[in-house]
C-alpha atoms as a PDB file:
ATOM      1  CA  MET A   1      20.082 -32.073 -12.380  1.00  0.00           C
ATOM      2  CA  SER A   2      20.594 -34.429 -15.111  1.00  0.00           C
ATOM      3  CA  MET A   3      22.451 -33.666 -18.572  1.00  0.00           C
ATOM      4  CA  ALA A   4      19.251 -34.582 -20.285  1.00  0.00           C
ATOM      5  CA  VAL A   5      17.364 -32.007 -18.458  1.00  0.00           C
ATOM      6  CA  VAL A   6      20.004 -29.372 -19.090  1.00  0.00           C
ATOM      7  CA  GLY A   7      20.068 -30.330 -22.743  1.00  0.00           C
ATOM      8  CA  LEU A   8      16.279 -29.965 -22.880  1.00  0.00           C
ATOM      9  CA  LEU A   9      16.397 -26.555 -21.156  1.00  0.00           C
ATOM     10  CA  ALA A  10      19.083 -25.346 -23.638  1.00  0.00           C
ATOM     11  CA  GLY A  11      17.138 -26.569 -26.617  1.00  0.00           C
ATOM     12  CA  MET A  12      14.128 -24.858 -25.468  1.00  0.00           C
ATOM     13  CA  ALA A  13      15.917 -21.678 -24.855  1.00  0.00           C
ATOM     14  CA  LEU A  14      17.419 -21.766 -28.345  1.00  0.00           C
ATOM     15  CA  GLY A  15      14.091 -22.450 -29.879  1.00  0.00           C
ATOM     16  CA  PHE A  16      12.332 -19.594 -28.187  1.00  0.00           C
ATOM     17  CA  ALA A  17      15.236 -17.169 -29.123  1.00  0.00           C
ATOM     18  CA  GLY A  18      15.020 -18.488 -32.812  1.00  0.00           C
ATOM     19  CA  TYR A  19      11.203 -18.269 -32.948  1.00  0.00           C
ATOM     20  CA  PHE A  20      10.776 -14.885 -31.268  1.00  0.00           C
ATOM     21  CA  GLY A  21      14.067 -13.153 -32.103  1.00  0.00           C
ATOM     22  CA  GLY A  22      15.001 -14.609 -35.417  1.00  0.00           C
ATOM     23  CA  PHE A  23      18.328 -16.045 -36.398  1.00  0.00           C
ATOM     24  CA  GLY A  24      20.493 -13.381 -34.838  1.00  0.00           C
ATOM     25  CA  ALA A  25      19.020 -14.069 -31.389  1.00  0.00           C
ATOM     26  CA  PHE A  26      19.363 -17.856 -31.911  1.00  0.00           C
ATOM     27  CA  VAL A  27      23.205 -17.366 -32.726  1.00  0.00           C
ATOM     28  CA  LEU A  28      23.662 -14.964 -29.780  1.00  0.00           C
ATOM     29  CA  VAL A  29      21.909 -17.395 -27.202  1.00  0.00           C
ATOM     30  CA  ALA A  30      23.948 -20.242 -28.551  1.00  0.00           C
ATOM     31  CA  ALA A  31      27.277 -18.424 -28.340  1.00  0.00           C
ATOM     32  CA  LEU A  32      26.582 -17.077 -24.804  1.00  0.00           C
ATOM     33  CA  GLY A  33      25.533 -20.617 -23.787  1.00  0.00           C
ATOM     34  CA  ALA A  34      28.652 -22.019 -25.093  1.00  0.00           C
ATOM     35  CA  ILE A  35      30.784 -19.378 -23.140  1.00  0.00           C
ATOM     36  CA  GLY A  36      28.753 -19.935 -20.106  1.00  0.00           C
ATOM     37  CA  PHE A  37      29.329 -23.709 -20.217  1.00  0.00           C
ATOM     38  CA  VAL A  38      32.990 -23.225 -20.665  1.00  0.00           C
ATOM     39  CA  ALA A  39      33.178 -20.822 -17.850  1.00  0.00           C
ATOM     40  CA  GLY A  40      31.036 -23.289 -15.544  1.00  0.00           C
ATOM     41  CA  ARG A  41      33.490 -26.228 -16.359  1.00  0.00           C
ATOM     42  CA  PHE A  42      36.536 -23.904 -15.715  1.00  0.00           C
ATOM     43  CA  LEU A  43      35.088 -22.691 -12.285  1.00  0.00           C
ATOM     44  CA  ASP A  44      34.128 -26.325 -11.418  1.00  0.00           C
ATOM     45  CA  GLY A  45      37.747 -27.378 -11.885  1.00  0.00           C
ATOM     46  CA  ASP A  46      36.907 -29.782 -14.858  1.00  0.00           C
ATOM     47  CA  LEU A  47      38.971 -27.633 -17.264  1.00  0.00           C
ATOM     48  CA  GLU A  48      42.258 -25.877 -16.858  1.00  0.00           C
ATOM     49  CA  ALA A  49      43.420 -22.932 -18.954  1.00  0.00           C
ATOM     50  CA  GLY A  50      46.293 -24.972 -20.446  1.00  0.00           C
ATOM     51  CA  ASP A  51      43.777 -27.547 -21.865  1.00  0.00           C
ATOM     52  CA  PHE A  52      43.192 -25.042 -24.712  1.00  0.00           C
ATOM     53  CA  PHE A  53      46.883 -24.595 -25.651  1.00  0.00           C
ATOM     54  CA  ARG A  54      48.420 -27.783 -25.454  1.00  0.00           C
ATOM     55  CA  PRO A  55      48.458 -30.252 -28.362  1.00  0.00           C
ATOM     56  CA  ARG A  56      46.700 -33.505 -27.947  1.00  0.00           C
ATOM     57  CA  GLY A  57      48.266 -36.994 -27.790  1.00  0.00           C
ATOM     58  CA  ARG A  58      51.928 -36.149 -28.210  1.00  0.00           C
ATOM     59  CA  ASP A  59      54.543 -34.495 -26.267  1.00  0.00           C
ATOM     60  CA  ARG A  60      56.309 -31.434 -27.453  1.00  0.00           C
ATOM     61  CA  ASP A  61      59.514 -33.450 -27.891  1.00  0.00           C
ATOM     62  CA  ASP A  62      57.926 -36.095 -30.106  1.00  0.00           C
ATOM     63  CA  ARG A  63      56.856 -33.357 -32.782  1.00  0.00           C
ATOM     64  CA  ARG A  64      60.334 -32.125 -33.070  1.00  0.00           C
ATOM     65  CA  ARG A  65      61.677 -35.378 -34.216  1.00  0.00           C
END
């Protein structure tokens, strides 16, 4: 399934949640979708747990200087 189709389905789900459930349901569906996306990337091996805690761009030794 292409990323365009996934984006379309996610947008439709958020639209339905917003229309039928109000803003609270919209936020809940968006938050759960983001959590599911991160969990899926983690399980696929595209993300590592350390990616959330490491600084970008520099090594730790460079920041101390």
